[in-house]
Amino acid sequence: MIHQLVYYSRNVVQGNDRAMLTNLRDIVSASQRNNSRDGITGFLIFDKTWFIQILAGEQAQVSATYTRIARDPRHATATIMDARNVQSRSFPNWTMGGAMRTPEVEEVYLQHGIGSAIEPTRLKSAHVINLALDLQAFDAAKRQAQRLAS
């Protein structure tokens, strides 16, 4: 069995849009290294206000990863939405995939009934996972189109 944890936290990364994007790239890069080492896979959804993340792996490693994130000063009020054992990983090929909410992916959010600001307290973990899967599919289709164009 794989342990899956879905959480949200307030994004308290400081700075303008460029500084925020640089900090967020640093977070994803460090997460990819740490998660690869620890056998964790997952997906991070973020905007200027929230981080929402799905983590999967061995229960002890997932718990340790969440504890490290909850202590990170770039996150505030980390809250677990759901933690359970599942049959398989939702993002088996991603040590840490991620999607920043941008105008380019807004249609994906609208398809999930999220037209305004994300309110993680109003979302169920299944909704978050389905949104992340569709964001991943959007990214894959975009990359495929870029490959075909070159």
N, C-alpha and C. Protein backbone atom coordinates (compact mmCIF):
# COMPACT_ATOMS: atom_id res chain seq x y z
N MET A 1 0.84 -1.19 0.00
CA MET A 1 0.00 0.00 0.00
C MET A 1 0.88 1.24 0.00
N ILE A 2 0.37 2.25 -0.61
CA ILE A 2 1.03 3.56 -0.68
C ILE A 2 0.27 4.51 0.23
N HIS A 3 0.99 5.30 1.00
CA HIS A 3 0.35 6.29 1.85
C HIS A 3 0.26 7.60 1.07
N GLN A 4 -0.92 8.18 1.07
CA GLN A 4 -1.15 9.45 0.36
C GLN A 4 -1.62 10.49 1.35
N LEU A 5 -1.04 11.67 1.27
CA LEU A 5 -1.40 12.78 2.14
C LEU A 5 -1.67 13.99 1.27
N VAL A 6 -2.78 14.66 1.52
CA VAL A 6 -3.13 15.90 0.83
C VAL A 6 -3.22 16.99 1.89
N TYR A 7 -2.51 18.09 1.66
CA TYR A 7 -2.54 19.19 2.63
C TYR A 7 -2.60 20.51 1.89
N TYR A 8 -2.91 21.55 2.64
CA TYR A 8 -2.79 22.92 2.11
C TYR A 8 -2.09 23.75 3.16
N SER A 9 -1.48 24.82 2.70
CA SER A 9 -0.85 25.79 3.59
C SER A 9 -0.90 27.16 2.94
N ARG A 10 -0.83 28.18 3.76
CA ARG A 10 -0.81 29.54 3.25
C ARG A 10 0.59 29.83 2.71
N ASN A 11 0.63 30.39 1.52
CA ASN A 11 1.88 30.78 0.87
C ASN A 11 2.33 32.12 1.47
N VAL A 12 3.44 32.11 2.20
CA VAL A 12 3.96 33.35 2.78
C VAL A 12 5.31 33.72 2.18
N VAL A 13 5.55 33.26 0.94
CA VAL A 13 6.76 33.64 0.22
C VAL A 13 6.69 35.14 -0.03
N GLN A 14 7.77 35.83 0.32
CA GLN A 14 7.81 37.28 0.22
C GLN A 14 8.29 37.73 -1.16
N GLY A 15 7.90 38.96 -1.53
CA GLY A 15 8.43 39.58 -2.73
C GLY A 15 7.40 39.76 -3.82
N ASN A 16 7.87 40.38 -4.90
CA ASN A 16 7.01 40.62 -6.06
C ASN A 16 6.85 39.30 -6.83
N ASP A 17 6.14 39.37 -7.95
CA ASP A 17 5.87 38.16 -8.72
C ASP A 17 7.14 37.43 -9.13
N ARG A 18 8.16 38.17 -9.57
CA ARG A 18 9.40 37.54 -10.00
C ARG A 18 10.11 36.86 -8.83
N ALA A 19 10.17 37.54 -7.69
CA ALA A 19 10.81 36.95 -6.50
C ALA A 19 10.03 35.73 -6.04
N MET A 20 8.70 35.81 -6.09
CA MET A 20 7.88 34.67 -5.68
C MET A 20 8.14 33.48 -6.60
N LEU A 21 8.18 33.72 -7.89
CA LEU A 21 8.42 32.64 -8.84
C LEU A 21 9.79 32.01 -8.62
N THR A 22 10.80 32.82 -8.35
CA THR A 22 12.14 32.30 -8.07
C THR A 22 12.12 31.43 -6.82
N ASN A 23 11.47 31.92 -5.75
CA ASN A 23 11.36 31.13 -4.52
C ASN A 23 10.61 29.83 -4.75
N LEU A 24 9.55 29.88 -5.54
CA LEU A 24 8.76 28.69 -5.79
C LEU A 24 9.55 27.68 -6.62
N ARG A 25 10.35 28.16 -7.56
CA ARG A 25 11.21 27.24 -8.32
C ARG A 25 12.20 26.56 -7.38
N ASP A 26 12.72 27.33 -6.42
CA ASP A 26 13.64 26.76 -5.43
C ASP A 26 12.95 25.67 -4.62
N ILE A 27 11.69 25.92 -4.23
CA ILE A 27 10.92 24.94 -3.46
C ILE A 27 10.76 23.65 -4.28
N VAL A 28 10.35 23.79 -5.54
CA VAL A 28 10.13 22.61 -6.38
C VAL A 28 11.44 21.87 -6.60
N SER A 29 12.53 22.60 -6.86
CA SER A 29 13.83 21.95 -7.08
C SER A 29 14.28 21.17 -5.85
N ALA A 30 14.20 21.78 -4.67
CA ALA A 30 14.58 21.09 -3.43
C ALA A 30 13.66 19.91 -3.17
N SER A 31 12.37 20.08 -3.44
CA SER A 31 11.41 18.98 -3.25
C SER A 31 11.73 17.81 -4.16
N GLN A 32 12.10 18.09 -5.39
CA GLN A 32 12.44 17.01 -6.31
C GLN A 32 13.64 16.21 -5.80
N ARG A 33 14.66 16.90 -5.32
CA ARG A 33 15.84 16.21 -4.78
C ARG A 33 15.47 15.38 -3.55
N ASN A 34 14.79 16.02 -2.59
CA ASN A 34 14.43 15.33 -1.35
C ASN A 34 13.49 14.16 -1.61
N ASN A 35 12.49 14.38 -2.46
CA ASN A 35 11.50 13.34 -2.73
C ASN A 35 12.11 12.17 -3.48
N SER A 36 13.02 12.44 -4.38
CA SER A 36 13.71 11.37 -5.10
C SER A 36 14.48 10.50 -4.11
N ARG A 37 15.17 11.14 -3.20
CA ARG A 37 15.93 10.43 -2.16
C ARG A 37 15.01 9.60 -1.28
N ASP A 38 13.81 10.13 -0.95
CA ASP A 38 12.92 9.50 0.02
C ASP A 38 11.82 8.64 -0.60
N GLY A 39 11.80 8.51 -1.92
CA GLY A 39 10.78 7.69 -2.56
C GLY A 39 9.39 8.31 -2.54
N ILE A 40 9.34 9.63 -2.53
CA ILE A 40 8.06 10.36 -2.49
C ILE A 40 7.73 10.84 -3.89
N THR A 41 6.46 10.74 -4.26
CA THR A 41 5.96 11.35 -5.49
C THR A 41 4.85 12.31 -5.10
N GLY A 42 4.55 13.23 -6.01
CA GLY A 42 3.49 14.16 -5.67
C GLY A 42 3.30 15.25 -6.68
N PHE A 43 2.42 16.15 -6.32
CA PHE A 43 2.07 17.27 -7.19
C PHE A 43 1.72 18.46 -6.32
N LEU A 44 2.22 19.63 -6.70
CA LEU A 44 2.01 20.87 -5.96
C LEU A 44 1.22 21.84 -6.82
N ILE A 45 0.12 22.33 -6.29
CA ILE A 45 -0.68 23.38 -6.91
C ILE A 45 -0.45 24.63 -6.07
N PHE A 46 -0.15 25.76 -6.71
CA PHE A 46 0.09 26.95 -5.91
C PHE A 46 -0.33 28.21 -6.65
N ASP A 47 -0.66 29.20 -5.84
CA ASP A 47 -0.92 30.54 -6.34
C ASP A 47 -0.31 31.51 -5.33
N LYS A 48 -0.68 32.77 -5.41
CA LYS A 48 -0.08 33.76 -4.51
C LYS A 48 -0.52 33.58 -3.06
N THR A 49 -1.57 32.82 -2.83
CA THR A 49 -2.11 32.67 -1.48
C THR A 49 -1.90 31.29 -0.89
N TRP A 50 -2.01 30.23 -1.70
CA TRP A 50 -2.04 28.87 -1.16
C TRP A 50 -1.06 27.93 -1.84
N PHE A 51 -0.62 26.95 -1.08
CA PHE A 51 0.01 25.74 -1.58
C PHE A 51 -0.98 24.62 -1.29
N ILE A 52 -1.23 23.76 -2.26
CA ILE A 52 -2.02 22.56 -2.05
C ILE A 52 -1.20 21.42 -2.66
N GLN A 53 -0.94 20.40 -1.87
CA GLN A 53 -0.01 19.38 -2.34
C GLN A 53 -0.50 17.98 -2.03
N ILE A 54 -0.20 17.08 -2.95
CA ILE A 54 -0.46 15.65 -2.79
C ILE A 54 0.90 14.97 -2.67
N LEU A 55 1.09 14.20 -1.63
CA LEU A 55 2.32 13.43 -1.42
C LEU A 55 1.98 11.95 -1.34
N ALA A 56 2.85 11.10 -1.87
CA ALA A 56 2.61 9.66 -1.80
C ALA A 56 3.93 8.93 -1.63
N GLY A 57 3.90 7.86 -0.84
CA GLY A 57 5.09 7.04 -0.61
C GLY A 57 4.90 6.21 0.64
N GLU A 58 6.02 5.77 1.22
CA GLU A 58 5.98 5.04 2.50
C GLU A 58 5.45 5.99 3.57
N GLN A 59 4.62 5.50 4.46
CA GLN A 59 3.97 6.36 5.45
C GLN A 59 4.98 7.17 6.28
N ALA A 60 6.05 6.53 6.74
CA ALA A 60 7.03 7.24 7.56
C ALA A 60 7.69 8.38 6.77
N GLN A 61 7.99 8.13 5.51
CA GLN A 61 8.63 9.16 4.68
C GLN A 61 7.66 10.30 4.36
N VAL A 62 6.41 9.95 4.08
CA VAL A 62 5.40 10.98 3.80
C VAL A 62 5.20 11.84 5.05
N SER A 63 5.10 11.22 6.20
CA SER A 63 4.92 11.97 7.45
C SER A 63 6.11 12.88 7.73
N ALA A 64 7.32 12.36 7.52
CA ALA A 64 8.52 13.18 7.73
C ALA A 64 8.57 14.35 6.76
N THR A 65 8.17 14.11 5.52
CA THR A 65 8.14 15.18 4.52
C THR A 65 7.14 16.25 4.91
N TYR A 66 5.95 15.83 5.31
CA TYR A 66 4.93 16.80 5.72
C TYR A 66 5.41 17.61 6.94
N THR A 67 6.04 16.96 7.90
CA THR A 67 6.54 17.65 9.09
C THR A 67 7.57 18.70 8.69
N ARG A 68 8.46 18.36 7.76
CA ARG A 68 9.47 19.31 7.28
C ARG A 68 8.79 20.51 6.60
N ILE A 69 7.77 20.24 5.79
CA ILE A 69 7.05 21.31 5.09
C ILE A 69 6.33 22.21 6.09
N ALA A 70 5.68 21.60 7.07
CA ALA A 70 4.91 22.37 8.06
C ALA A 70 5.82 23.31 8.85
N ARG A 71 7.09 22.96 8.99
CA ARG A 71 8.04 23.80 9.73
C ARG A 71 8.70 24.86 8.84
N ASP A 72 8.56 24.72 7.53
CA ASP A 72 9.20 25.64 6.59
C ASP A 72 8.57 27.03 6.73
N PRO A 73 9.37 28.08 6.89
CA PRO A 73 8.81 29.43 7.10
C PRO A 73 8.08 29.99 5.88
N ARG A 74 8.18 29.35 4.73
CA ARG A 74 7.44 29.81 3.55
C ARG A 74 6.00 29.32 3.56
N HIS A 75 5.68 28.43 4.51
CA HIS A 75 4.33 27.88 4.66
C HIS A 75 3.77 28.33 6.01
N ALA A 76 2.50 28.67 6.04
CA ALA A 76 1.83 28.98 7.31
C ALA A 76 0.54 28.16 7.38
N THR A 77 0.15 27.84 8.59
CA THR A 77 -1.09 27.10 8.86
C THR A 77 -1.25 25.86 7.99
N ALA A 78 -0.21 25.04 7.94
CA ALA A 78 -0.30 23.78 7.19
C ALA A 78 -1.40 22.92 7.81
N THR A 79 -2.28 22.41 6.95
CA THR A 79 -3.45 21.65 7.40
C THR A 79 -3.61 20.41 6.52
N ILE A 80 -3.69 19.26 7.14
CA ILE A 80 -3.91 18.01 6.40
C ILE A 80 -5.39 17.91 6.03
N MET A 81 -5.64 17.72 4.75
CA MET A 81 -7.00 17.53 4.24
C MET A 81 -7.40 16.07 4.32
N ASP A 82 -6.43 15.18 4.02
CA ASP A 82 -6.71 13.76 3.99
C ASP A 82 -5.39 13.00 4.05
N ALA A 83 -5.39 11.90 4.72
CA ALA A 83 -4.24 10.99 4.76
C ALA A 83 -4.80 9.58 4.79
N ARG A 84 -4.38 8.76 3.82
CA ARG A 84 -4.92 7.41 3.74
C ARG A 84 -4.01 6.54 2.90
N ASN A 85 -4.24 5.25 3.00
CA ASN A 85 -3.53 4.29 2.16
C ASN A 85 -4.31 4.12 0.87
N VAL A 86 -3.59 4.05 -0.24
CA VAL A 86 -4.20 3.90 -1.56
C VAL A 86 -3.49 2.75 -2.29
N GLN A 87 -4.13 2.26 -3.33
CA GLN A 87 -3.58 1.14 -4.10
C GLN A 87 -2.37 1.54 -4.94
N SER A 88 -2.40 2.78 -5.47
CA SER A 88 -1.31 3.21 -6.35
C SER A 88 -1.12 4.72 -6.26
N ARG A 89 0.01 5.16 -6.75
CA ARG A 89 0.34 6.57 -6.75
C ARG A 89 -0.44 7.29 -7.86
N SER A 90 -0.93 8.47 -7.57
CA SER A 90 -1.61 9.28 -8.60
C SER A 90 -0.61 9.91 -9.57
N PHE A 91 0.61 10.15 -9.10
CA PHE A 91 1.64 10.82 -9.91
C PHE A 91 2.94 10.01 -9.86
N PRO A 92 2.92 8.80 -10.39
CA PRO A 92 4.06 7.89 -10.22
C PRO A 92 5.35 8.38 -10.86
N ASN A 93 5.27 9.24 -11.86
CA ASN A 93 6.47 9.68 -12.57
C ASN A 93 6.96 11.04 -12.13
N TRP A 94 6.37 11.60 -11.09
CA TRP A 94 6.73 12.94 -10.67
C TRP A 94 7.28 12.91 -9.24
N THR A 95 8.58 13.14 -9.07
CA THR A 95 9.08 13.30 -7.71
C THR A 95 8.48 14.57 -7.12
N MET A 96 8.19 15.53 -7.97
CA MET A 96 7.40 16.69 -7.56
C MET A 96 7.01 17.46 -8.81
N GLY A 97 5.81 17.21 -9.27
CA GLY A 97 5.26 18.01 -10.34
C GLY A 97 4.62 19.23 -9.72
N GLY A 98 4.36 20.21 -10.54
CA GLY A 98 3.74 21.39 -9.98
C GLY A 98 3.11 22.25 -11.04
N ALA A 99 2.14 23.04 -10.60
CA ALA A 99 1.47 23.96 -11.50
C ALA A 99 1.11 25.23 -10.75
N MET A 100 1.65 26.33 -11.24
CA MET A 100 1.27 27.63 -10.71
C MET A 100 0.02 28.08 -11.43
N ARG A 101 -0.89 28.66 -10.69
CA ARG A 101 -2.12 29.15 -11.32
C ARG A 101 -1.78 30.38 -12.15
N THR A 102 -1.94 30.23 -13.45
CA THR A 102 -1.67 31.30 -14.40
C THR A 102 -2.85 31.41 -15.35
N PRO A 103 -2.94 32.50 -16.12
CA PRO A 103 -4.04 32.59 -17.10
C PRO A 103 -4.05 31.44 -18.10
N GLU A 104 -2.89 30.88 -18.40
CA GLU A 104 -2.79 29.78 -19.36
C GLU A 104 -3.57 28.54 -18.91
N VAL A 105 -3.61 28.28 -17.59
CA VAL A 105 -4.30 27.09 -17.09
C VAL A 105 -5.65 27.40 -16.46
N GLU A 106 -6.11 28.62 -16.60
CA GLU A 106 -7.37 29.02 -15.96
C GLU A 106 -8.55 28.15 -16.39
N GLU A 107 -8.55 27.73 -17.65
CA GLU A 107 -9.65 26.89 -18.14
C GLU A 107 -9.74 25.59 -17.36
N VAL A 108 -8.61 25.03 -16.96
CA VAL A 108 -8.61 23.80 -16.17
C VAL A 108 -9.29 24.05 -14.83
N TYR A 109 -8.99 25.17 -14.20
CA TYR A 109 -9.63 25.52 -12.93
C TYR A 109 -11.13 25.70 -13.12
N LEU A 110 -11.52 26.38 -14.20
CA LEU A 110 -12.94 26.60 -14.46
C LEU A 110 -13.68 25.28 -14.67
N GLN A 111 -13.04 24.31 -15.31
CA GLN A 111 -13.65 22.99 -15.51
C GLN A 111 -13.91 22.29 -14.18
N HIS A 112 -13.19 22.70 -13.15
CA HIS A 112 -13.36 22.12 -11.82
C HIS A 112 -14.18 23.03 -10.91
N GLY A 113 -14.83 24.03 -11.49
CA GLY A 113 -15.70 24.91 -10.71
C GLY A 113 -14.95 25.92 -9.86
N ILE A 114 -13.70 26.18 -10.19
CA ILE A 114 -12.90 27.15 -9.43
C ILE A 114 -12.68 28.36 -10.34
N GLY A 115 -13.57 29.34 -10.22
CA GLY A 115 -13.49 30.52 -11.07
C GLY A 115 -12.82 31.69 -10.40
N SER A 116 -12.84 31.69 -9.10
CA SER A 116 -12.21 32.79 -8.36
C SER A 116 -11.05 32.22 -7.55
N ALA A 117 -10.74 32.86 -6.47
CA ALA A 117 -9.62 32.41 -5.64
C ALA A 117 -9.86 30.99 -5.13
N ILE A 118 -8.78 30.24 -5.01
CA ILE A 118 -8.86 28.90 -4.44
C ILE A 118 -9.20 29.03 -2.96
N GLU A 119 -10.14 28.25 -2.50
CA GLU A 119 -10.48 28.16 -1.09
C GLU A 119 -10.30 26.72 -0.65
N PRO A 120 -9.09 26.36 -0.20
CA PRO A 120 -8.84 24.94 0.11
C PRO A 120 -9.76 24.37 1.18
N THR A 121 -10.28 25.21 2.06
CA THR A 121 -11.17 24.70 3.10
C THR A 121 -12.49 24.20 2.51
N ARG A 122 -12.78 24.59 1.29
CA ARG A 122 -14.03 24.17 0.63
C ARG A 122 -13.83 23.01 -0.34
N LEU A 123 -12.59 22.55 -0.46
CA LEU A 123 -12.30 21.46 -1.39
C LEU A 123 -12.14 20.14 -0.65
N LYS A 124 -12.53 19.09 -1.29
CA LYS A 124 -12.28 17.73 -0.81
C LYS A 124 -10.99 17.24 -1.45
N SER A 125 -10.32 16.31 -0.81
CA SER A 125 -9.05 15.83 -1.35
C SER A 125 -9.23 15.21 -2.74
N ALA A 126 -10.33 14.52 -2.99
CA ALA A 126 -10.56 13.93 -4.32
C ALA A 126 -10.63 15.02 -5.39
N HIS A 127 -11.22 16.15 -5.06
CA HIS A 127 -11.30 17.28 -5.99
C HIS A 127 -9.90 17.80 -6.30
N VAL A 128 -9.07 17.92 -5.27
CA VAL A 128 -7.69 18.39 -5.44
C VAL A 128 -6.92 17.42 -6.34
N ILE A 129 -7.06 16.12 -6.11
CA ILE A 129 -6.35 15.13 -6.92
C ILE A 129 -6.80 15.20 -8.37
N ASN A 130 -8.10 15.31 -8.61
CA ASN A 130 -8.60 15.40 -9.98
C ASN A 130 -8.12 16.67 -10.67
N LEU A 131 -8.10 17.79 -9.95
CA LEU A 131 -7.57 19.04 -10.49
C LEU A 131 -6.10 18.86 -10.86
N ALA A 132 -5.32 18.27 -9.96
CA ALA A 132 -3.89 18.06 -10.22
C ALA A 132 -3.68 17.14 -11.43
N LEU A 133 -4.47 16.09 -11.54
CA LEU A 133 -4.35 15.19 -12.69
C LEU A 133 -4.64 15.94 -14.00
N ASP A 134 -5.65 16.81 -13.99
CA ASP A 134 -5.96 17.58 -15.20
C ASP A 134 -4.90 18.63 -15.50
N LEU A 135 -4.31 19.23 -14.46
CA LEU A 135 -3.21 20.17 -14.68
C LEU A 135 -2.00 19.44 -15.26
N GLN A 136 -1.75 18.23 -14.78
CA GLN A 136 -0.66 17.42 -15.30
C GLN A 136 -0.93 17.07 -16.77
N ALA A 137 -2.16 16.71 -17.10
CA ALA A 137 -2.51 16.37 -18.48
C ALA A 137 -2.38 17.60 -19.38
N PHE A 138 -2.77 18.76 -18.89
CA PHE A 138 -2.62 20.00 -19.66
C PHE A 138 -1.15 20.24 -19.98
N ASP A 139 -0.30 20.09 -18.97
CA ASP A 139 1.13 20.30 -19.15
C ASP A 139 1.70 19.29 -20.15
N ALA A 140 1.29 18.04 -20.06
CA ALA A 140 1.78 17.01 -20.98
C ALA A 140 1.36 17.32 -22.41
N ALA A 141 0.12 17.77 -22.60
CA ALA A 141 -0.36 18.11 -23.94
C ALA A 141 0.40 19.30 -24.50
N LYS A 142 0.69 20.26 -23.65
CA LYS A 142 1.45 21.44 -24.08
C LYS A 142 2.86 21.04 -24.51
N ARG A 143 3.50 20.18 -23.73
CA ARG A 143 4.85 19.72 -24.08
C ARG A 143 4.84 18.93 -25.39
N GLN A 144 3.82 18.10 -25.56
CA GLN A 144 3.70 17.31 -26.80
C GLN A 144 3.54 18.24 -28.00
N ALA A 145 2.70 19.26 -27.87
CA ALA A 145 2.49 20.21 -28.97
C ALA A 145 3.79 20.96 -29.29
N GLN A 146 4.57 21.29 -28.26
CA GLN A 146 5.85 21.96 -28.48
C GLN A 146 6.83 21.05 -29.22
N ARG A 147 6.83 19.75 -28.86
CA ARG A 147 7.71 18.80 -29.54
C ARG A 147 7.33 18.66 -31.00
N LEU A 148 6.03 18.59 -31.25
CA LEU A 148 5.57 18.44 -32.63
C LEU A 148 5.86 19.69 -33.47
N ALA A 149 5.86 20.85 -32.83
CA ALA A 149 6.10 22.10 -33.54
C ALA A 149 7.58 22.29 -33.85
N SER A 150 8.46 21.61 -33.12
CA SER A 150 9.89 21.82 -33.38
C SER A 150 10.49 20.80 -34.28
